[in-house]
Amino acid sequence: MPDDGPIVDEVSAPAYVIPTDAPEFLRGAALAAAHNLQVSAHRTPSLHMHVGVAVPGLRHVEYFHDHQRIERMLFDGALGPHGASWPRPPEPGLGMSFKEADAEKYRQG
């Protein structure tokens, strides 16, 4: 079978499924780097901006308007794109706080 080149040109990795996924995201990025692939941070830009800066081969942070809308509805301090850069939070952590009162109307059970 002839070699037609790489099958993929980037790895799309989420770090939002469970809180311990950030280390898995970094392991995936290391695996991608070992194969000369870039990494695309998949969804939740306010989370991936932080873990993404630790990845040398980060291609981009995927930006979905609906995800950003939900982040801003439910979290004070959710990030949004500002030109070609993302601002660094003013203090350690993700720089967000949960809007419990705003989220109450969506509570089920």
N, C-alpha and C. Protein backbone atom coordinates (compact mmCIF):
# COMPACT_ATOMS: atom_id res chain seq x y z
N MET A 1 0.85 -1.18 0.00
CA MET A 1 0.00 0.00 0.00
C MET A 1 0.90 1.25 0.00
N PRO A 2 0.70 2.16 -0.95
CA PRO A 2 1.56 3.34 -1.02
C PRO A 2 1.30 4.30 0.16
N ASP A 3 2.34 5.03 0.54
CA ASP A 3 2.21 6.02 1.61
C ASP A 3 1.71 7.33 1.01
N ASP A 4 0.48 7.68 1.30
CA ASP A 4 -0.12 8.90 0.78
C ASP A 4 0.02 10.07 1.74
N GLY A 5 0.89 9.95 2.72
CA GLY A 5 1.07 11.02 3.69
C GLY A 5 0.23 10.79 4.93
N PRO A 6 0.19 11.80 5.77
CA PRO A 6 -0.51 11.63 7.05
C PRO A 6 -2.02 11.52 6.87
N ILE A 7 -2.63 10.77 7.76
CA ILE A 7 -4.09 10.61 7.76
C ILE A 7 -4.75 11.82 8.42
N VAL A 8 -4.12 12.34 9.47
CA VAL A 8 -4.65 13.51 10.19
C VAL A 8 -3.57 14.59 10.24
N ASP A 9 -4.00 15.83 10.38
CA ASP A 9 -3.02 16.91 10.50
C ASP A 9 -3.11 17.64 11.83
N GLU A 10 -4.04 17.22 12.69
CA GLU A 10 -4.15 17.78 14.03
C GLU A 10 -4.92 16.83 14.91
N VAL A 11 -4.76 17.02 16.22
CA VAL A 11 -5.51 16.26 17.20
C VAL A 11 -6.47 17.22 17.88
N SER A 12 -7.76 16.89 17.89
CA SER A 12 -8.76 17.71 18.56
C SER A 12 -9.03 17.08 19.91
N ALA A 13 -8.63 17.79 20.97
CA ALA A 13 -8.69 17.21 22.31
C ALA A 13 -9.53 18.06 23.25
N PRO A 14 -10.47 17.44 23.98
CA PRO A 14 -11.23 18.18 24.99
C PRO A 14 -10.61 18.01 26.38
N ALA A 15 -10.65 19.06 27.18
CA ALA A 15 -10.19 18.98 28.57
C ALA A 15 -11.32 19.31 29.52
N TYR A 16 -12.55 19.14 29.09
CA TYR A 16 -13.68 19.61 29.87
C TYR A 16 -14.59 18.50 30.40
N VAL A 17 -14.33 17.27 30.07
CA VAL A 17 -15.27 16.21 30.42
C VAL A 17 -15.34 15.99 31.92
N ILE A 18 -14.19 15.84 32.56
CA ILE A 18 -14.13 15.73 34.01
C ILE A 18 -12.95 16.59 34.48
N PRO A 19 -12.92 17.01 35.72
CA PRO A 19 -11.86 17.92 36.17
C PRO A 19 -10.44 17.40 35.96
N THR A 20 -10.26 16.09 35.92
CA THR A 20 -8.90 15.56 35.75
C THR A 20 -8.49 15.46 34.29
N ASP A 21 -9.29 15.97 33.37
CA ASP A 21 -8.96 15.86 31.95
C ASP A 21 -7.85 16.80 31.50
N ALA A 22 -7.52 17.83 32.25
CA ALA A 22 -6.42 18.71 31.84
C ALA A 22 -5.12 17.94 31.72
N PRO A 23 -4.74 17.07 32.69
CA PRO A 23 -3.52 16.28 32.50
C PRO A 23 -3.62 15.35 31.28
N GLU A 24 -4.79 14.80 31.02
CA GLU A 24 -4.97 13.95 29.85
C GLU A 24 -4.82 14.77 28.57
N PHE A 25 -5.32 15.99 28.58
CA PHE A 25 -5.17 16.90 27.44
C PHE A 25 -3.68 17.10 27.16
N LEU A 26 -2.90 17.33 28.21
CA LEU A 26 -1.46 17.55 28.05
C LEU A 26 -0.76 16.28 27.56
N ARG A 27 -1.20 15.11 28.04
CA ARG A 27 -0.62 13.85 27.55
C ARG A 27 -0.95 13.66 26.06
N GLY A 28 -2.16 13.98 25.70
CA GLY A 28 -2.55 13.90 24.29
C GLY A 28 -1.74 14.85 23.43
N ALA A 29 -1.48 16.05 23.96
CA ALA A 29 -0.68 17.03 23.24
C ALA A 29 0.75 16.53 23.06
N ALA A 30 1.30 15.87 24.08
CA ALA A 30 2.66 15.31 23.99
C ALA A 30 2.70 14.21 22.93
N LEU A 31 1.66 13.38 22.91
CA LEU A 31 1.59 12.32 21.90
C LEU A 31 1.50 12.93 20.50
N ALA A 32 0.69 13.96 20.37
CA ALA A 32 0.58 14.64 19.07
C ALA A 32 1.93 15.23 18.67
N ALA A 33 2.63 15.86 19.60
CA ALA A 33 3.94 16.45 19.30
C ALA A 33 4.94 15.38 18.86
N ALA A 34 4.86 14.19 19.46
CA ALA A 34 5.76 13.10 19.08
C ALA A 34 5.56 12.67 17.63
N HIS A 35 4.38 12.99 17.09
CA HIS A 35 4.07 12.65 15.70
C HIS A 35 4.00 13.90 14.82
N ASN A 36 4.58 15.00 15.32
CA ASN A 36 4.61 16.28 14.59
C ASN A 36 3.22 16.76 14.18
N LEU A 37 2.26 16.60 15.09
CA LEU A 37 0.90 17.07 14.85
C LEU A 37 0.60 18.24 15.76
N GLN A 38 -0.24 19.14 15.30
CA GLN A 38 -0.71 20.23 16.12
C GLN A 38 -1.93 19.78 16.91
N VAL A 39 -2.31 20.59 17.91
CA VAL A 39 -3.46 20.28 18.76
C VAL A 39 -4.49 21.39 18.63
N SER A 40 -5.73 20.98 18.54
CA SER A 40 -6.86 21.91 18.55
C SER A 40 -7.59 21.71 19.87
N ALA A 41 -7.69 22.75 20.68
CA ALA A 41 -8.43 22.66 21.94
C ALA A 41 -9.91 22.70 21.60
N HIS A 42 -10.62 21.66 21.99
CA HIS A 42 -11.99 21.42 21.54
C HIS A 42 -13.01 21.99 22.52
N ARG A 43 -13.70 23.05 22.12
CA ARG A 43 -14.80 23.68 22.88
C ARG A 43 -14.34 24.35 24.17
N THR A 44 -15.28 24.86 24.94
CA THR A 44 -15.07 25.56 26.23
C THR A 44 -13.83 26.44 26.23
N PRO A 45 -13.87 27.55 25.49
CA PRO A 45 -12.69 28.41 25.37
C PRO A 45 -12.17 28.94 26.70
N SER A 46 -13.03 29.22 27.66
CA SER A 46 -12.56 29.78 28.93
C SER A 46 -11.71 28.78 29.72
N LEU A 47 -11.90 27.50 29.49
CA LEU A 47 -11.07 26.47 30.12
C LEU A 47 -9.82 26.21 29.29
N HIS A 48 -10.01 26.02 28.00
CA HIS A 48 -8.90 25.63 27.14
C HIS A 48 -7.85 26.72 26.95
N MET A 49 -8.22 27.96 27.11
CA MET A 49 -7.22 29.02 26.99
C MET A 49 -6.11 28.79 28.00
N HIS A 50 -6.46 28.35 29.19
CA HIS A 50 -5.48 28.16 30.26
C HIS A 50 -4.59 26.96 29.99
N VAL A 51 -5.17 25.82 29.71
CA VAL A 51 -4.38 24.62 29.49
C VAL A 51 -3.67 24.69 28.14
N GLY A 52 -4.25 25.39 27.20
CA GLY A 52 -3.67 25.49 25.87
C GLY A 52 -2.34 26.22 25.82
N VAL A 53 -2.13 27.19 26.70
CA VAL A 53 -0.87 27.93 26.67
C VAL A 53 0.31 27.04 27.05
N ALA A 54 0.05 25.86 27.62
CA ALA A 54 1.12 24.93 27.98
C ALA A 54 1.47 23.99 26.84
N VAL A 55 0.80 24.12 25.71
CA VAL A 55 0.98 23.21 24.59
C VAL A 55 1.73 23.94 23.46
N PRO A 56 2.98 23.53 23.19
CA PRO A 56 3.74 24.19 22.13
C PRO A 56 3.09 24.10 20.76
N GLY A 57 2.42 22.99 20.45
CA GLY A 57 1.82 22.82 19.13
C GLY A 57 0.36 23.18 19.07
N LEU A 58 -0.10 24.10 19.91
CA LEU A 58 -1.52 24.46 19.89
C LEU A 58 -1.83 25.24 18.60
N ARG A 59 -2.74 24.69 17.82
CA ARG A 59 -3.14 25.35 16.57
C ARG A 59 -4.14 26.45 16.86
N HIS A 60 -5.16 26.10 17.64
CA HIS A 60 -6.18 27.08 17.99
C HIS A 60 -7.07 26.54 19.10
N VAL A 61 -7.81 27.45 19.69
CA VAL A 61 -8.87 27.10 20.63
C VAL A 61 -10.17 27.25 19.85
N GLU A 62 -10.90 26.16 19.71
CA GLU A 62 -12.15 26.24 18.96
C GLU A 62 -13.11 27.19 19.67
N TYR A 63 -13.74 28.01 18.90
CA TYR A 63 -14.66 29.00 19.44
C TYR A 63 -16.03 28.75 18.84
N PHE A 64 -16.95 28.33 19.68
CA PHE A 64 -18.33 28.13 19.25
C PHE A 64 -19.17 29.20 19.93
N HIS A 65 -19.89 29.96 19.15
CA HIS A 65 -20.67 31.06 19.72
C HIS A 65 -21.62 30.57 20.80
N ASP A 66 -22.27 29.42 20.58
CA ASP A 66 -23.24 28.94 21.56
C ASP A 66 -22.56 28.56 22.88
N HIS A 67 -21.38 27.99 22.82
CA HIS A 67 -20.66 27.65 24.07
C HIS A 67 -20.26 28.92 24.82
N GLN A 68 -19.76 29.89 24.07
CA GLN A 68 -19.35 31.15 24.69
C GLN A 68 -20.56 31.86 25.31
N ARG A 69 -21.69 31.79 24.64
CA ARG A 69 -22.91 32.41 25.18
C ARG A 69 -23.29 31.76 26.50
N ILE A 70 -23.23 30.43 26.57
CA ILE A 70 -23.57 29.73 27.80
C ILE A 70 -22.56 30.04 28.89
N GLU A 71 -21.26 30.06 28.54
CA GLU A 71 -20.24 30.40 29.54
C GLU A 71 -20.51 31.78 30.13
N ARG A 72 -20.83 32.74 29.29
CA ARG A 72 -21.08 34.10 29.80
C ARG A 72 -22.37 34.20 30.59
N MET A 73 -23.36 33.36 30.23
CA MET A 73 -24.62 33.35 31.00
C MET A 73 -24.41 32.83 32.41
N LEU A 74 -23.54 31.82 32.56
CA LEU A 74 -23.43 31.11 33.82
C LEU A 74 -22.17 31.41 34.63
N PHE A 75 -21.21 32.14 34.06
CA PHE A 75 -19.96 32.41 34.77
C PHE A 75 -19.55 33.87 34.61
N ASP A 76 -19.32 34.55 35.72
CA ASP A 76 -18.68 35.86 35.67
C ASP A 76 -17.22 35.64 35.34
N GLY A 77 -16.69 36.43 34.44
CA GLY A 77 -15.28 36.32 34.08
C GLY A 77 -15.01 35.39 32.92
N ALA A 78 -16.06 34.85 32.27
CA ALA A 78 -15.83 33.99 31.10
C ALA A 78 -15.13 34.81 30.03
N LEU A 79 -14.19 34.18 29.36
CA LEU A 79 -13.39 34.88 28.37
C LEU A 79 -14.07 34.91 27.02
N GLY A 80 -13.72 35.88 26.25
CA GLY A 80 -14.16 35.98 24.87
C GLY A 80 -12.98 36.48 24.06
N PRO A 81 -12.99 36.27 22.75
CA PRO A 81 -11.85 36.70 21.94
C PRO A 81 -11.79 38.23 21.88
N HIS A 82 -10.58 38.72 21.94
CA HIS A 82 -10.33 40.17 21.83
C HIS A 82 -9.30 40.35 20.74
N GLY A 83 -9.77 40.48 19.50
CA GLY A 83 -8.85 40.53 18.39
C GLY A 83 -8.22 39.16 18.21
N ALA A 84 -6.91 39.12 18.19
CA ALA A 84 -6.20 37.85 17.98
C ALA A 84 -5.64 37.28 19.28
N SER A 85 -6.07 37.78 20.41
CA SER A 85 -5.50 37.31 21.67
C SER A 85 -6.59 37.07 22.70
N TRP A 86 -6.21 36.37 23.76
CA TRP A 86 -7.10 36.12 24.88
C TRP A 86 -6.48 36.76 26.10
N PRO A 87 -7.22 37.55 26.84
CA PRO A 87 -6.63 38.21 28.02
C PRO A 87 -6.34 37.22 29.14
N ARG A 88 -5.29 37.48 29.88
CA ARG A 88 -4.96 36.64 31.03
C ARG A 88 -5.81 37.08 32.21
N PRO A 89 -6.38 36.12 32.96
CA PRO A 89 -7.17 36.49 34.13
C PRO A 89 -6.32 37.26 35.14
N PRO A 90 -6.91 38.15 35.90
CA PRO A 90 -6.16 38.98 36.83
C PRO A 90 -5.65 38.25 38.08
N GLU A 91 -6.15 37.04 38.34
CA GLU A 91 -5.73 36.30 39.52
C GLU A 91 -5.60 34.82 39.18
N PRO A 92 -4.95 34.02 40.03
CA PRO A 92 -4.78 32.59 39.75
C PRO A 92 -6.12 31.88 39.60
N GLY A 93 -6.10 30.75 38.92
CA GLY A 93 -7.31 29.98 38.67
C GLY A 93 -7.87 30.30 37.30
N LEU A 94 -9.08 29.89 37.08
CA LEU A 94 -9.71 30.13 35.79
C LEU A 94 -10.24 31.55 35.64
N GLY A 95 -10.31 32.27 36.76
CA GLY A 95 -10.79 33.65 36.69
C GLY A 95 -12.28 33.77 36.52
N MET A 96 -13.02 32.70 36.83
CA MET A 96 -14.47 32.71 36.67
C MET A 96 -15.14 32.35 37.98
N SER A 97 -16.35 32.84 38.15
CA SER A 97 -17.16 32.44 39.30
C SER A 97 -18.55 32.07 38.78
N PHE A 98 -19.10 31.03 39.36
CA PHE A 98 -20.39 30.49 38.94
C PHE A 98 -21.51 31.43 39.37
N LYS A 99 -22.40 31.74 38.45
CA LYS A 99 -23.56 32.59 38.74
C LYS A 99 -24.71 31.69 39.20
N GLU A 100 -24.66 31.32 40.46
CA GLU A 100 -25.63 30.36 40.98
C GLU A 100 -27.07 30.86 40.83
N ALA A 101 -27.31 32.12 41.12
CA ALA A 101 -28.67 32.65 41.02
C ALA A 101 -29.16 32.61 39.57
N ASP A 102 -28.29 32.91 38.61
CA ASP A 102 -28.68 32.88 37.21
C ASP A 102 -28.92 31.45 36.71
N ALA A 103 -28.19 30.50 37.29
CA ALA A 103 -28.31 29.10 36.87
C ALA A 103 -29.52 28.40 37.51
N GLU A 104 -30.05 28.96 38.57
CA GLU A 104 -31.13 28.30 39.32
C GLU A 104 -32.32 27.95 38.42
N LYS A 105 -32.67 28.80 37.47
CA LYS A 105 -33.83 28.52 36.62
C LYS A 105 -33.62 27.31 35.72
N TYR A 106 -32.37 26.85 35.57
CA TYR A 106 -32.09 25.68 34.74
C TYR A 106 -31.94 24.40 35.57
N ARG A 107 -32.03 24.52 36.89
CA ARG A 107 -31.87 23.35 37.77
C ARG A 107 -33.00 22.36 37.55
N GLN A 108 -32.63 21.09 37.51
CA GLN A 108 -33.63 20.03 37.37
C GLN A 108 -33.42 19.01 38.50
N GLY A 109 -34.51 18.48 38.99
CA GLY A 109 -34.44 17.44 40.00
C GLY A 109 -34.26 17.90 41.41
